[in-house]
N, C-alpha and C. Protein backbone atom coordinates (compact mmCIF):
# COMPACT_ATOMS: atom_id res chain seq x y z
N MET A 1 89.78 109.56 163.11
CA MET A 1 88.70 108.50 163.01
C MET A 1 87.56 108.70 161.54
N ARG A 2 88.26 109.81 161.36
CA ARG A 2 87.32 109.44 159.79
C ARG A 2 88.08 108.13 158.83
N LYS A 3 89.60 108.40 158.99
CA LYS A 3 89.96 107.27 158.51
C LYS A 3 89.64 105.82 158.89
N GLN A 4 88.78 106.06 159.62
CA GLN A 4 88.64 104.36 160.82
C GLN A 4 87.37 104.63 160.31
N THR A 5 86.72 106.02 159.98
CA THR A 5 84.74 105.58 160.25
C THR A 5 84.96 104.61 158.84
N GLY A 6 85.56 105.43 157.79
CA GLY A 6 85.59 105.26 156.06
C GLY A 6 86.17 103.55 156.24
N ILE A 7 86.98 102.78 156.58
CA ILE A 7 87.21 101.38 157.12
C ILE A 7 86.27 100.23 157.39
N LEU A 8 85.48 101.24 158.92
CA LEU A 8 84.31 100.31 159.15
C LEU A 8 83.61 100.36 158.05
N ARG A 9 83.03 101.24 157.28
CA ARG A 9 82.33 101.39 156.46
C ARG A 9 82.35 100.30 154.98
N LYS A 10 83.70 100.00 154.46
CA LYS A 10 84.29 99.10 153.72
C LYS A 10 84.11 97.85 154.42
N GLN A 11 84.11 97.98 155.76
CA GLN A 11 83.92 96.18 156.09
C GLN A 11 82.28 95.97 156.18
N TYR A 12 81.85 96.97 156.60
CA TYR A 12 80.08 96.83 156.49
C TYR A 12 79.33 96.30 155.53
N ALA A 13 80.01 97.11 154.19
CA ALA A 13 79.18 96.94 153.24
C ALA A 13 80.21 95.56 152.65
N PHE A 14 81.02 94.63 153.04
CA PHE A 14 81.75 93.41 152.41
C PHE A 14 81.45 92.66 152.94
N LEU A 15 80.74 92.31 154.06
CA LEU A 15 79.96 91.93 154.90
C LEU A 15 78.39 92.20 155.03
N LEU A 16 77.72 92.37 154.50
CA LEU A 16 76.33 92.80 154.20
C LEU A 16 76.77 92.38 152.39
N ALA A 17 77.30 92.04 152.24
CA ALA A 17 78.25 90.92 150.29
C ALA A 17 77.78 89.97 151.38
N GLU A 18 78.63 89.91 151.81
CA GLU A 18 78.97 88.68 151.99
C GLU A 18 77.97 87.73 152.56
N SER A 19 77.31 88.11 153.55
CA SER A 19 75.78 87.84 154.20
C SER A 19 74.96 87.14 152.66
N THR A 20 74.59 88.59 152.19
CA THR A 20 73.48 88.62 151.12
C THR A 20 73.86 87.05 149.56
N GLU A 21 75.09 86.78 150.14
CA GLU A 21 76.23 85.48 149.02
C GLU A 21 75.35 84.05 149.90
N MET A 22 75.77 84.23 151.46
CA MET A 22 75.65 83.02 152.18
C MET A 22 74.32 83.09 151.48
N ARG A 23 73.14 83.64 151.45
CA ARG A 23 71.61 83.87 151.58
C ARG A 23 71.38 82.39 150.74
N LYS A 24 72.07 83.14 149.65
CA LYS A 24 72.02 82.76 148.25
C LYS A 24 72.64 82.03 148.04
N GLN A 25 73.34 81.11 148.61
CA GLN A 25 74.04 79.54 148.67
C GLN A 25 73.47 79.14 148.56
N THR A 26 72.72 78.67 150.22
CA THR A 26 71.58 78.48 151.24
C THR A 26 70.25 78.10 151.02
N GLY A 27 69.76 79.33 149.86
CA GLY A 27 68.62 79.15 149.37
C GLY A 27 68.96 77.46 147.59
N ILE A 28 70.16 77.49 147.10
CA ILE A 28 70.23 77.41 146.34
C ILE A 28 70.30 75.85 146.56
N LEU A 29 71.67 75.39 148.36
CA LEU A 29 70.98 74.19 148.70
C LEU A 29 70.13 73.65 149.49
N ARG A 30 69.38 73.91 149.92
CA ARG A 30 68.29 73.43 150.59
C ARG A 30 67.34 72.62 149.13
N LYS A 31 66.92 73.71 147.53
CA LYS A 31 66.79 73.40 146.79
C LYS A 31 67.54 71.87 146.89
N GLN A 32 68.51 72.09 147.11
CA GLN A 32 68.78 70.56 146.61
C GLN A 32 69.11 69.53 147.26
N TYR A 33 68.98 69.58 148.34
CA TYR A 33 68.54 69.06 149.23
C TYR A 33 67.14 68.05 149.28
N ALA A 34 65.94 69.27 149.29
CA ALA A 34 64.89 69.01 148.98
C ALA A 34 64.77 68.06 147.48
N PHE A 35 65.29 68.22 146.02
CA PHE A 35 65.69 67.03 145.45
C PHE A 35 66.35 65.58 145.32
N LEU A 36 67.16 65.40 146.25
CA LEU A 36 68.22 65.16 146.48
C LEU A 36 67.26 63.58 147.93
N LEU A 37 65.98 64.78 148.45
CA LEU A 37 65.58 64.14 149.19
C LEU A 37 64.26 63.11 148.43
N THR A 38 64.34 63.76 147.73
CA THR A 38 62.76 63.32 146.85
C THR A 38 63.72 61.93 146.47
N LYS A 39 64.64 62.50 145.53
CA LYS A 39 65.05 61.14 144.54
C LYS A 39 65.59 59.89 145.08
N SER A 40 65.88 60.20 146.52
CA SER A 40 66.10 58.53 147.30
C SER A 40 64.95 58.08 147.93
N THR A 41 63.24 59.15 148.45
CA THR A 41 62.31 58.25 148.32
C THR A 41 61.50 58.41 147.67
N GLU A 42 61.98 58.16 146.00
CA GLU A 42 61.75 57.96 145.12
C GLU A 42 62.27 56.00 145.09
N MET A 43 63.93 56.21 145.61
CA MET A 43 64.67 55.10 144.98
C MET A 43 63.99 53.94 146.05
N LYS A 44 64.01 54.39 147.57
CA LYS A 44 63.33 53.76 148.68
C LYS A 44 62.09 52.56 148.10
N LYS A 45 60.95 53.28 146.84
CA LYS A 45 59.88 52.91 147.14
C LYS A 45 60.23 52.17 145.61
N GLN A 46 61.09 52.22 144.69
CA GLN A 46 61.66 51.32 143.62
C GLN A 46 62.14 50.02 144.51
N TYR A 47 62.66 50.61 145.12
CA TYR A 47 63.44 49.22 145.49
C TYR A 47 62.10 48.19 146.64
N VAL A 48 61.65 48.67 146.57
CA VAL A 48 60.09 48.49 147.64
C VAL A 48 59.77 46.96 146.05
N PHE A 49 59.49 48.03 145.73
CA PHE A 49 58.79 47.01 144.64
C PHE A 49 59.42 46.44 143.66
N LEU A 50 60.68 46.60 143.44
CA LEU A 50 61.21 45.78 143.00
C LEU A 50 61.69 43.92 144.01
N LEU A 51 62.11 44.01 145.67
CA LEU A 51 61.80 43.08 146.36
C LEU A 51 60.63 42.67 146.41
N ILE A 52 59.12 43.09 145.51
CA ILE A 52 58.18 42.53 145.73
C ILE A 52 58.39 41.55 144.06
N GLU A 53 58.39 42.41 143.72
CA GLU A 53 58.44 41.84 142.49
C GLU A 53 59.30 41.13 142.05
N LEU A 54 60.41 40.66 142.85
CA LEU A 54 61.32 39.46 143.04
C LEU A 54 60.46 38.20 143.57
N ASP A 55 59.93 38.67 145.10
CA ASP A 55 59.50 37.99 146.57
C ASP A 55 58.50 36.80 144.84
N LEU A 56 57.39 37.58 144.70
CA LEU A 56 56.06 36.70 143.36
C LEU A 56 57.10 36.16 142.45
N ILE A 57 58.30 36.14 141.31
CA ILE A 57 58.70 35.73 140.81
C ILE A 57 59.69 33.90 141.67
N LYS A 58 60.02 34.55 142.37
CA LYS A 58 60.03 33.33 143.32
C LYS A 58 59.10 32.58 143.69
N CYS A 59 57.67 33.10 144.27
CA CYS A 59 56.61 32.33 144.30
C CYS A 59 56.62 31.68 143.69
N ALA A 60 56.79 32.21 141.78
CA ALA A 60 55.72 31.56 141.36
C ALA A 60 56.56 30.10 140.86
N SER A 61 58.24 30.61 140.47
CA SER A 61 58.77 29.73 140.72
C SER A 61 58.59 28.18 141.41
N GLU A 62 58.84 28.70 142.59
CA GLU A 62 58.58 27.94 143.60
C GLU A 62 57.39 26.66 142.74
N GLN A 63 55.77 27.30 142.99
CA GLN A 63 54.73 26.25 142.73
C GLN A 63 55.24 25.50 141.56
N TRP A 64 55.98 25.93 140.06
CA TRP A 64 56.53 25.03 139.67
C TRP A 64 57.19 23.89 139.46
């Protein structure tokens, strides 16, 4: 019985450490996701501005 208790304690300590590591990794992934989402939003805005500029250039060239 004592041997089993020792094994269970070791397993518990291992799982606790793994759980802590997974929480850290989840935090890192959340930050990376937020960063990528921000970059994606910026790129979409830049794309829209580029389309507007191209449309303005096209309109200006058609007037000449």
